[in-house]
Amino acid sequence: MSATQHLQSLVAQDWYAATHHPFTNALADGTLNRDKMAGYLQQDYQFIEGFVRLLASAVSHAPTLTDAAARMDVSETFTQAVRLERAFFDASWAGFTVAK
């Protein structure tokens, strides 16, 4: 059993509830209605915005240069993911009339 499988087994009921919810099912199969999708985009955007600030704070509050460099290495991986998220948001916002 992999480490991921082991961790999932520890929270099997919660994992199932999160991955077999009407919202996630509709999101995955493309049937989520526009209002719920717009709300999801707004919430996710706020999460990403806060996450980026958290990463910046972690680097800026590192106790040593070595620690800061290590945090920047981790942050770079997340930065790449955030760039993809931003491209997704920019493309998605075009289809909605909601505040970012």
PDB file of N, CA and C in Angstrom:
ATOM      1  N   MET A   1       0.847  -1.169   0.000  1.00  0.00           N
ATOM      2  CA  MET A   1       0.000   0.000   0.000  1.00  0.00           C
ATOM      3  C   MET A   1       0.898   1.238   0.000  1.00  0.00           C
ATOM      4  N   SER A   2       0.573   2.197  -0.885  1.00  0.00           N
ATOM      5  CA  SER A   2       1.363   3.431  -0.948  1.00  0.00           C
ATOM      6  C   SER A   2       1.031   4.328   0.249  1.00  0.00           C
ATOM      7  N   ALA A   3       1.876   5.326   0.459  1.00  0.00           N
ATOM      8  CA  ALA A   3       1.630   6.269   1.551  1.00  0.00           C
ATOM      9  C   ALA A   3       0.299   6.996   1.343  1.00  0.00           C
ATOM     10  N   THR A   4       0.014   7.371   0.117  1.00  0.00           N
ATOM     11  CA  THR A   4      -1.250   8.055  -0.189  1.00  0.00           C
ATOM     12  C   THR A   4      -2.441   7.157   0.108  1.00  0.00           C
ATOM     13  N   GLN A   5      -2.354   5.917  -0.322  1.00  0.00           N
ATOM     14  CA  GLN A   5      -3.447   4.975  -0.059  1.00  0.00           C
ATOM     15  C   GLN A   5      -3.638   4.774   1.438  1.00  0.00           C
ATOM     16  N   HIS A   6      -2.535   4.690   2.166  1.00  0.00           N
ATOM     17  CA  HIS A   6      -2.627   4.528   3.612  1.00  0.00           C
ATOM     18  C   HIS A   6      -3.332   5.723   4.251  1.00  0.00           C
ATOM     19  N   LEU A   7      -2.924   6.935   3.854  1.00  0.00           N
ATOM     20  CA  LEU A   7      -3.545   8.138   4.410  1.00  0.00           C
ATOM     21  C   LEU A   7      -5.032   8.203   4.056  1.00  0.00           C
ATOM     22  N   GLN A   8      -5.369   7.844   2.826  1.00  0.00           N
ATOM     23  CA  GLN A   8      -6.782   7.821   2.432  1.00  0.00           C
ATOM     24  C   GLN A   8      -7.568   6.815   3.269  1.00  0.00           C
ATOM     25  N   SER A   9      -6.958   5.692   3.569  1.00  0.00           N
ATOM     26  CA  SER A   9      -7.656   4.669   4.350  1.00  0.00           C
ATOM     27  C   SER A   9      -7.964   5.161   5.770  1.00  0.00           C
ATOM     28  N   LEU A  10      -7.157   6.070   6.284  1.00  0.00           N
ATOM     29  CA  LEU A  10      -7.382   6.603   7.621  1.00  0.00           C
ATOM     30  C   LEU A  10      -8.597   7.525   7.691  1.00  0.00           C
ATOM     31  N   VAL A  11      -8.971   8.075   6.548  1.00  0.00           N
ATOM     32  CA  VAL A  11     -10.112   9.003   6.494  1.00  0.00           C
ATOM     33  C   VAL A  11     -11.069   8.593   5.373  1.00  0.00           C
ATOM     34  N   ALA A  12     -11.260   7.296   5.238  1.00  0.00           N
ATOM     35  CA  ALA A  12     -12.011   6.753   4.102  1.00  0.00           C
ATOM     36  C   ALA A  12     -13.408   7.345   3.957  1.00  0.00           C
ATOM     37  N   GLN A  13     -14.143   7.477   5.046  1.00  0.00           N
ATOM     38  CA  GLN A  13     -15.502   8.019   4.944  1.00  0.00           C
ATOM     39  C   GLN A  13     -15.485   9.477   4.497  1.00  0.00           C
ATOM     40  N   ASP A  14     -14.601  10.265   5.056  1.00  0.00           N
ATOM     41  CA  ASP A  14     -14.504  11.670   4.661  1.00  0.00           C
ATOM     42  C   ASP A  14     -14.050  11.795   3.207  1.00  0.00           C
ATOM     43  N   TRP A  15     -13.089  10.974   2.815  1.00  0.00           N
ATOM     44  CA  TRP A  15     -12.600  10.993   1.432  1.00  0.00           C
ATOM     45  C   TRP A  15     -13.744  10.671   0.471  1.00  0.00           C
ATOM     46  N   TYR A  16     -14.492   9.648   0.780  1.00  0.00           N
ATOM     47  CA  TYR A  16     -15.610   9.266  -0.082  1.00  0.00           C
ATOM     48  C   TYR A  16     -16.644  10.396  -0.150  1.00  0.00           C
ATOM     49  N   ALA A  17     -16.971  10.988   1.000  1.00  0.00           N
ATOM     50  CA  ALA A  17     -17.965  12.068   1.030  1.00  0.00           C
ATOM     51  C   ALA A  17     -17.509  13.266   0.201  1.00  0.00           C
ATOM     52  N   ALA A  18     -16.224  13.579   0.250  1.00  0.00           N
ATOM     53  CA  ALA A  18     -15.704  14.729  -0.501  1.00  0.00           C
ATOM     54  C   ALA A  18     -15.616  14.460  -1.997  1.00  0.00           C
ATOM     55  N   THR A  19     -15.352  13.215  -2.359  1.00  0.00           N
ATOM     56  CA  THR A  19     -15.167  12.890  -3.780  1.00  0.00           C
ATOM     57  C   THR A  19     -16.409  12.324  -4.446  1.00  0.00           C
ATOM     58  N   HIS A  20     -17.485  12.130  -3.688  1.00  0.00           N
ATOM     59  CA  HIS A  20     -18.742  11.628  -4.250  1.00  0.00           C
ATOM     60  C   HIS A  20     -19.903  12.523  -3.828  1.00  0.00           C
ATOM     61  N   HIS A  21     -19.654  13.809  -3.843  1.00  0.00           N
ATOM     62  CA  HIS A  21     -20.642  14.810  -3.464  1.00  0.00           C
ATOM     63  C   HIS A  21     -21.321  15.328  -4.738  1.00  0.00           C
ATOM     64  N   PRO A  22     -22.597  15.682  -4.673  1.00  0.00           N
ATOM     65  CA  PRO A  22     -23.276  16.195  -5.875  1.00  0.00           C
ATOM     66  C   PRO A  22     -22.533  17.355  -6.546  1.00  0.00           C
ATOM     67  N   PHE A  23     -21.930  18.242  -5.736  1.00  0.00           N
ATOM     68  CA  PHE A  23     -21.186  19.361  -6.320  1.00  0.00           C
ATOM     69  C   PHE A  23     -19.986  18.876  -7.123  1.00  0.00           C
ATOM     70  N   THR A  24     -19.164  18.016  -6.503  1.00  0.00           N
ATOM     71  CA  THR A  24     -17.963  17.550  -7.205  1.00  0.00           C
ATOM     72  C   THR A  24     -18.324  16.667  -8.393  1.00  0.00           C
ATOM     73  N   ASN A  25     -19.394  15.898  -8.280  1.00  0.00           N
ATOM     74  CA  ASN A  25     -19.841  15.084  -9.416  1.00  0.00           C
ATOM     75  C   ASN A  25     -20.245  15.977 -10.582  1.00  0.00           C
ATOM     76  N   ALA A  26     -21.050  17.015 -10.297  1.00  0.00           N
ATOM     77  CA  ALA A  26     -21.507  17.923 -11.354  1.00  0.00           C
ATOM     78  C   ALA A  26     -20.334  18.716 -11.937  1.00  0.00           C
ATOM     79  N   LEU A  27     -19.397  19.110 -11.089  1.00  0.00           N
ATOM     80  CA  LEU A  27     -18.215  19.815 -11.566  1.00  0.00           C
ATOM     81  C   LEU A  27     -17.412  18.921 -12.513  1.00  0.00           C
ATOM     82  N   ALA A  28     -17.236  17.674 -12.128  1.00  0.00           N
ATOM     83  CA  ALA A  28     -16.445  16.739 -12.930  1.00  0.00           C
ATOM     84  C   ALA A  28     -17.110  16.403 -14.259  1.00  0.00           C
ATOM     85  N   ASP A  29     -18.447  16.263 -14.262  1.00  0.00           N
ATOM     86  CA  ASP A  29     -19.093  15.849 -15.518  1.00  0.00           C
ATOM     87  C   ASP A  29     -19.643  17.021 -16.338  1.00  0.00           C
ATOM     88  N   GLY A  30     -19.366  18.254 -15.875  1.00  0.00           N
ATOM     89  CA  GLY A  30     -19.738  19.426 -16.663  1.00  0.00           C
ATOM     90  C   GLY A  30     -21.193  19.844 -16.559  1.00  0.00           C
ATOM     91  N   THR A  31     -21.902  19.357 -15.552  1.00  0.00           N
ATOM     92  CA  THR A  31     -23.322  19.707 -15.429  1.00  0.00           C
ATOM     93  C   THR A  31     -23.600  20.708 -14.308  1.00  0.00           C
ATOM     94  N   LEU A  32     -22.579  21.268 -13.712  1.00  0.00           N
ATOM     95  CA  LEU A  32     -22.766  22.247 -12.649  1.00  0.00           C
ATOM     96  C   LEU A  32     -23.407  23.497 -13.230  1.00  0.00           C
ATOM     97  N   ASN A  33     -24.476  23.994 -12.591  1.00  0.00           N
ATOM     98  CA  ASN A  33     -25.162  25.160 -13.168  1.00  0.00           C
ATOM     99  C   ASN A  33     -24.282  26.407 -13.045  1.00  0.00           C
ATOM    100  N   ARG A  34     -24.595  27.391 -13.863  1.00  0.00           N
ATOM    101  CA  ARG A  34     -23.756  28.597 -13.986  1.00  0.00           C
ATOM    102  C   ARG A  34     -23.602  29.352 -12.667  1.00  0.00           C
ATOM    103  N   ASP A  35     -24.688  29.480 -11.895  1.00  0.00           N
ATOM    104  CA  ASP A  35     -24.602  30.227 -10.638  1.00  0.00           C
ATOM    105  C   ASP A  35     -23.665  29.543  -9.647  1.00  0.00           C
ATOM    106  N   LYS A  36     -23.764  28.226  -9.556  1.00  0.00           N
ATOM    107  CA  LYS A  36     -22.878  27.496  -8.642  1.00  0.00           C
ATOM    108  C   LYS A  36     -21.437  27.546  -9.136  1.00  0.00           C
ATOM    109  N   MET A  37     -21.244  27.479 -10.450  1.00  0.00           N
ATOM    110  CA  MET A  37     -19.895  27.559 -11.005  1.00  0.00           C
ATOM    111  C   MET A  37     -19.293  28.933 -10.728  1.00  0.00           C
ATOM    112  N   ALA A  38     -20.087  29.986 -10.892  1.00  0.00           N
ATOM    113  CA  ALA A  38     -19.598  31.340 -10.624  1.00  0.00           C
ATOM    114  C   ALA A  38     -19.205  31.474  -9.147  1.00  0.00           C
ATOM    115  N   GLY A  39     -20.034  30.943  -8.250  1.00  0.00           N
ATOM    116  CA  GLY A  39     -19.706  30.980  -6.828  1.00  0.00           C
ATOM    117  C   GLY A  39     -18.446  30.205  -6.516  1.00  0.00           C
ATOM    118  N   TYR A  40     -18.298  29.048  -7.150  1.00  0.00           N
ATOM    119  CA  TYR A  40     -17.094  28.230  -6.966  1.00  0.00           C
ATOM    120  C   TYR A  40     -15.862  28.999  -7.424  1.00  0.00           C
ATOM    121  N   LEU A  41     -15.940  29.635  -8.586  1.00  0.00           N
ATOM    122  CA  LEU A  41     -14.799  30.396  -9.103  1.00  0.00           C
ATOM    123  C   LEU A  41     -14.418  31.527  -8.155  1.00  0.00           C
ATOM    124  N   GLN A  42     -15.421  32.227  -7.616  1.00  0.00           N
ATOM    125  CA  GLN A  42     -15.126  33.305  -6.680  1.00  0.00           C
ATOM    126  C   GLN A  42     -14.427  32.779  -5.430  1.00  0.00           C
ATOM    127  N   GLN A  43     -14.920  31.679  -4.882  1.00  0.00           N
ATOM    128  CA  GLN A  43     -14.305  31.112  -3.674  1.00  0.00           C
ATOM    129  C   GLN A  43     -12.896  30.615  -3.957  1.00  0.00           C
ATOM    130  N   ASP A  44     -12.733  29.920  -5.073  1.00  0.00           N
ATOM    131  CA  ASP A  44     -11.421  29.355  -5.390  1.00  0.00           C
ATOM    132  C   ASP A  44     -10.413  30.471  -5.644  1.00  0.00           C
ATOM    133  N   TYR A  45     -10.845  31.531  -6.294  1.00  0.00           N
ATOM    134  CA  TYR A  45      -9.962  32.662  -6.552  1.00  0.00           C
ATOM    135  C   TYR A  45      -9.485  33.266  -5.232  1.00  0.00           C
ATOM    136  N   GLN A  46     -10.390  33.418  -4.277  1.00  0.00           N
ATOM    137  CA  GLN A  46     -10.009  33.959  -2.978  1.00  0.00           C
ATOM    138  C   GLN A  46      -9.018  33.032  -2.273  1.00  0.00           C
ATOM    139  N   PHE A  47      -9.219  31.734  -2.405  1.00  0.00           N
ATOM    140  CA  PHE A  47      -8.282  30.781  -1.809  1.00  0.00           C
ATOM    141  C   PHE A  47      -6.897  30.954  -2.422  1.00  0.00           C
ATOM    142  N   ILE A  48      -6.833  31.002  -3.748  1.00  0.00           N
ATOM    143  CA  ILE A  48      -5.538  31.112  -4.426  1.00  0.00           C
ATOM    144  C   ILE A  48      -4.853  32.418  -4.041  1.00  0.00           C
ATOM    145  N   GLU A  49      -5.617  33.491  -3.975  1.00  0.00           N
ATOM    146  CA  GLU A  49      -5.042  34.778  -3.596  1.00  0.00           C
ATOM    147  C   GLU A  49      -4.432  34.704  -2.192  1.00  0.00           C
ATOM    148  N   GLY A  50      -5.153  34.121  -1.247  1.00  0.00           N
ATOM    149  CA  GLY A  50      -4.632  33.967   0.108  1.00  0.00           C
ATOM    150  C   GLY A  50      -3.448  33.019   0.170  1.00  0.00           C
ATOM    151  N   PHE A  51      -3.485  31.972  -0.642  1.00  0.00           N
ATOM    152  CA  PHE A  51      -2.406  30.991  -0.663  1.00  0.00           C
ATOM    153  C   PHE A  51      -1.103  31.628  -1.138  1.00  0.00           C
ATOM    154  N   VAL A  52      -1.183  32.466  -2.162  1.00  0.00           N
ATOM    155  CA  VAL A  52       0.006  33.147  -2.671  1.00  0.00           C
ATOM    156  C   VAL A  52       0.588  34.055  -1.584  1.00  0.00           C
ATOM    157  N   ARG A  53      -0.284  34.752  -0.873  1.00  0.00           N
ATOM    158  CA  ARG A  53       0.193  35.626   0.213  1.00  0.00           C
ATOM    159  C   ARG A  53       0.832  34.808   1.341  1.00  0.00           C
ATOM    160  N   LEU A  54       0.276  33.641   1.616  1.00  0.00           N
ATOM    161  CA  LEU A  54       0.853  32.756   2.631  1.00  0.00           C
ATOM    162  C   LEU A  54       2.264  32.324   2.239  1.00  0.00           C
ATOM    163  N   LEU A  55       2.439  31.943   0.975  1.00  0.00           N
ATOM    164  CA  LEU A  55       3.773  31.538   0.516  1.00  0.00           C
ATOM    165  C   LEU A  55       4.767  32.688   0.639  1.00  0.00           C
ATOM    166  N   ALA A  56       4.341  33.872   0.233  1.00  0.00           N
ATOM    167  CA  ALA A  56       5.229  35.039   0.332  1.00  0.00           C
ATOM    168  C   ALA A  56       5.591  35.310   1.789  1.00  0.00           C
ATOM    169  N   SER A  57       4.634  35.179   2.684  1.00  0.00           N
ATOM    170  CA  SER A  57       4.887  35.404   4.101  1.00  0.00           C
ATOM    171  C   SER A  57       5.857  34.369   4.655  1.00  0.00           C
ATOM    172  N   ALA A  58       5.690  33.122   4.244  1.00  0.00           N
ATOM    173  CA  ALA A  58       6.582  32.063   4.730  1.00  0.00           C
ATOM    174  C   ALA A  58       8.029  32.348   4.341  1.00  0.00           C
ATOM    175  N   VAL A  59       8.232  32.827   3.122  1.00  0.00           N
ATOM    176  CA  VAL A  59       9.592  33.141   2.681  1.00  0.00           C
ATOM    177  C   VAL A  59      10.115  34.361   3.437  1.00  0.00           C
ATOM    178  N   SER A  60       9.289  35.393   3.542  1.00  0.00           N
ATOM    179  CA  SER A  60       9.780  36.633   4.154  1.00  0.00           C
ATOM    180  C   SER A  60      10.018  36.509   5.663  1.00  0.00           C
ATOM    181  N   HIS A  61       9.383  35.532   6.294  1.00  0.00           N
ATOM    182  CA  HIS A  61       9.572  35.351   7.734  1.00  0.00           C
ATOM    183  C   HIS A  61      10.534  34.210   8.090  1.00  0.00           C
ATOM    184  N   ALA A  62      11.232  33.702   7.107  1.00  0.00           N
ATOM    185  CA  ALA A  62      12.198  32.632   7.373  1.00  0.00           C
ATOM    186  C   ALA A  62      13.295  33.172   8.289  1.00  0.00           C
ATOM    187  N   PRO A  63      13.701  32.372   9.270  1.00  0.00           N
ATOM    188  CA  PRO A  63      14.688  32.861  10.237  1.00  0.00           C
ATOM    189  C   PRO A  63      16.092  33.027   9.663  1.00  0.00           C
ATOM    190  N   THR A  64      16.416  32.272   8.603  1.00  0.00           N
ATOM    191  CA  THR A  64      17.758  32.378   8.018  1.00  0.00           C
ATOM    192  C   THR A  64      17.656  32.397   6.500  1.00  0.00           C
ATOM    193  N   LEU A  65      18.734  32.802   5.870  1.00  0.00           N
ATOM    194  CA  LEU A  65      18.790  32.801   4.418  1.00  0.00           C
ATOM    195  C   LEU A  65      18.626  31.379   3.871  1.00  0.00           C
ATOM    196  N   THR A  66      19.215  30.413   4.538  1.00  0.00           N
ATOM    197  CA  THR A  66      19.086  29.014   4.123  1.00  0.00           C
ATOM    198  C   THR A  66      17.630  28.574   4.166  1.00  0.00           C
ATOM    199  N   ASP A  67      16.946  28.943   5.243  1.00  0.00           N
ATOM    200  CA  ASP A  67      15.524  28.610   5.356  1.00  0.00           C
ATOM    201  C   ASP A  67      14.714  29.302   4.266  1.00  0.00           C
ATOM    202  N   ALA A  68      15.020  30.559   4.016  1.00  0.00           N
ATOM    203  CA  ALA A  68      14.301  31.299   2.979  1.00  0.00           C
ATOM    204  C   ALA A  68      14.500  30.646   1.614  1.00  0.00           C
ATOM    205  N   ALA A  69      15.739  30.241   1.322  1.00  0.00           N
ATOM    206  CA  ALA A  69      16.022  29.603   0.039  1.00  0.00           C
ATOM    207  C   ALA A  69      15.254  28.293  -0.098  1.00  0.00           C
ATOM    208  N   ALA A  70      15.197  27.517   0.965  1.00  0.00           N
ATOM    209  CA  ALA A  70      14.450  26.252   0.932  1.00  0.00           C
ATOM    210  C   ALA A  70      12.964  26.516   0.705  1.00  0.00           C
ATOM    211  N   ARG A  71      12.441  27.530   1.372  1.00  0.00           N
ATOM    212  CA  ARG A  71      11.025  27.867   1.199  1.00  0.00           C
ATOM    213  C   ARG A  71      10.755  28.390  -0.204  1.00  0.00           C
ATOM    214  N   MET A  72      11.734  29.084  -0.771  1.00  0.00           N
ATOM    215  CA  MET A  72      11.567  29.570  -2.143  1.00  0.00           C
ATOM    216  C   MET A  72      11.537  28.413  -3.129  1.00  0.00           C
ATOM    217  N   ASP A  73      12.332  27.374  -2.871  1.00  0.00           N
ATOM    218  CA  ASP A  73      12.306  26.192  -3.739  1.00  0.00           C
ATOM    219  C   ASP A  73      10.922  25.568  -3.745  1.00  0.00           C
ATOM    220  N   VAL A  74      10.329  25.404  -2.576  1.00  0.00           N
ATOM    221  CA  VAL A  74       8.984  24.857  -2.466  1.00  0.00           C
ATOM    222  C   VAL A  74       7.988  25.811  -3.115  1.00  0.00           C
ATOM    223  N   SER A  75       8.177  27.090  -2.858  1.00  0.00           N
ATOM    224  CA  SER A  75       7.284  28.106  -3.390  1.00  0.00           C
ATOM    225  C   SER A  75       7.292  28.111  -4.919  1.00  0.00           C
ATOM    226  N   GLU A  76       8.430  27.853  -5.522  1.00  0.00           N
ATOM    227  CA  GLU A  76       8.517  27.845  -6.991  1.00  0.00           C
ATOM    228  C   GLU A  76       7.601  26.785  -7.589  1.00  0.00           C
ATOM    229  N   THR A  77       7.528  25.630  -6.962  1.00  0.00           N
ATOM    230  CA  THR A  77       6.626  24.575  -7.438  1.00  0.00           C
ATOM    231  C   THR A  77       5.189  25.064  -7.390  1.00  0.00           C
ATOM    232  N   PHE A  78       4.822  25.695  -6.279  1.00  0.00           N
ATOM    233  CA  PHE A  78       3.461  26.212  -6.148  1.00  0.00           C
ATOM    234  C   PHE A  78       3.216  27.372  -7.109  1.00  0.00           C
ATOM    235  N   THR A  79       4.242  28.172  -7.367  1.00  0.00           N
ATOM    236  CA  THR A  79       4.099  29.296  -8.291  1.00  0.00           C
ATOM    237  C   THR A  79       3.697  28.800  -9.671  1.00  0.00           C
ATOM    238  N   GLN A  80       4.281  27.717 -10.112  1.00  0.00           N
ATOM    239  CA  GLN A  80       3.923  27.153 -11.410  1.00  0.00           C
ATOM    240  C   GLN A  80       2.452  26.726 -11.424  1.00  0.00           C
ATOM    241  N   ALA A  81       2.002  26.114 -10.347  1.00  0.00           N
ATOM    242  CA  ALA A  81       0.605  25.695 -10.261  1.00  0.00           C
ATOM    243  C   ALA A  81      -0.325  26.907 -10.233  1.00  0.00           C
ATOM    244  N   VAL A  82       0.074  27.952  -9.521  1.00  0.00           N
ATOM    245  CA  VAL A  82      -0.748  29.158  -9.442  1.00  0.00           C
ATOM    246  C   VAL A  82      -0.850  29.826 -10.808  1.00  0.00           C
ATOM    247  N   ARG A  83       0.215  29.811 -11.573  1.00  0.00           N
ATOM    248  CA  ARG A  83       0.155  30.381 -12.931  1.00  0.00           C
ATOM    249  C   ARG A  83      -0.883  29.648 -13.777  1.00  0.00           C
ATOM    250  N   LEU A  84      -0.926  28.342 -13.650  1.00  0.00           N
ATOM    251  CA  LEU A  84      -1.937  27.576 -14.378  1.00  0.00           C
ATOM    252  C   LEU A  84      -3.339  27.923 -13.886  1.00  0.00           C
ATOM    253  N   GLU A  85      -3.477  28.068 -12.574  1.00  0.00           N
ATOM    254  CA  GLU A  85      -4.773  28.454 -11.999  1.00  0.00           C
ATOM    255  C   GLU A  85      -5.200  29.820 -12.519  1.00  0.00           C
ATOM    256  N   ARG A  86      -4.270  30.773 -12.555  1.00  0.00           N
ATOM    257  CA  ARG A  86      -4.608  32.114 -13.045  1.00  0.00           C
ATOM    258  C   ARG A  86      -5.061  32.062 -14.498  1.00  0.00           C
ATOM    259  N   ALA A  87      -4.404  31.266 -15.313  1.00  0.00           N
ATOM    260  CA  ALA A  87      -4.824  31.131 -16.713  1.00  0.00           C
ATOM    261  C   ALA A  87      -6.235  30.555 -16.780  1.00  0.00           C
ATOM    262  N   PHE A  88      -6.524  29.577 -15.912  1.00  0.00           N
ATOM    263  CA  PHE A  88      -7.862  28.998 -15.848  1.00  0.00           C
ATOM    264  C   PHE A  88      -8.880  30.061 -15.452  1.00  0.00           C
ATOM    265  N   PHE A  89      -8.562  30.850 -14.423  1.00  0.00           N
ATOM    266  CA  PHE A  89      -9.489  31.894 -13.979  1.00  0.00           C
ATOM    267  C   PHE A  89      -9.712  32.924 -15.071  1.00  0.00           C
ATOM    268  N   ASP A  90      -8.627  33.375 -15.687  1.00  0.00           N
ATOM    269  CA  ASP A  90      -8.771  34.390 -16.736  1.00  0.00           C
ATOM    270  C   ASP A  90      -9.674  33.900 -17.863  1.00  0.00           C
ATOM    271  N   ALA A  91      -9.524  32.649 -18.242  1.00  0.00           N
ATOM    272  CA  ALA A  91     -10.379  32.084 -19.301  1.00  0.00           C
ATOM    273  C   ALA A  91     -11.813  31.897 -18.799  1.00  0.00           C
ATOM    274  N   SER A  92     -11.965  31.502 -17.560  1.00  0.00           N
ATOM    275  CA  SER A  92     -13.294  31.226 -17.006  1.00  0.00           C
ATOM    276  C   SER A  92     -14.088  32.508 -16.781  1.00  0.00           C
ATOM    277  N   TRP A  93     -13.435  33.563 -16.309  1.00  0.00           N
ATOM    278  CA  TRP A  93     -14.158  34.801 -15.998  1.00  0.00           C
ATOM    279  C   TRP A  93     -14.852  35.349 -17.238  1.00  0.00           C
ATOM    280  N   ALA A  94     -14.290  35.083 -18.405  1.00  0.00           N
ATOM    281  CA  ALA A  94     -14.877  35.625 -19.633  1.00  0.00           C
ATOM    282  C   ALA A  94     -16.314  35.191 -19.833  1.00  0.00           C
ATOM    283  N   GLY A  95     -16.677  34.026 -19.311  1.00  0.00           N
ATOM    284  CA  GLY A  95     -18.026  33.514 -19.490  1.00  0.00           C
ATOM    285  C   GLY A  95     -19.009  33.905 -18.406  1.00  0.00           C
ATOM    286  N   PHE A  96     -18.553  34.691 -17.416  1.00  0.00           N
ATOM    287  CA  PHE A  96     -19.411  35.051 -16.290  1.00  0.00           C
ATOM    288  C   PHE A  96     -19.372  36.552 -16.049  1.00  0.00           C
ATOM    289  N   THR A  97     -20.440  37.051 -15.474  1.00  0.00           N
ATOM    290  CA  THR A  97     -20.473  38.456 -15.088  1.00  0.00           C
ATOM    291  C   THR A  97     -20.523  38.509 -13.558  1.00  0.00           C
ATOM    292  N   VAL A  98     -19.403  38.157 -12.938  1.00  0.00           N
ATOM    293  CA  VAL A  98     -19.285  38.178 -11.484  1.00  0.00           C
ATOM    294  C   VAL A  98     -18.039  38.947 -11.108  1.00  0.00           C
ATOM    295  N   ALA A  99     -18.065  39.480  -9.914  1.00  0.00           N
ATOM    296  CA  ALA A  99     -16.887  40.202  -9.415  1.00  0.00           C
ATOM    297  C   ALA A  99     -15.803  39.208  -9.030  1.00  0.00           C
ATOM    298  N   LYS A 100     -14.570  39.529  -9.335  1.00  0.00           N
ATOM    299  CA  LYS A 100     -13.447  38.650  -8.972  1.00  0.00           C
ATOM    300  C   LYS A 100     -13.138  38.772  -7.515  1.00  0.00           C
TER     301      LYS A 100
END
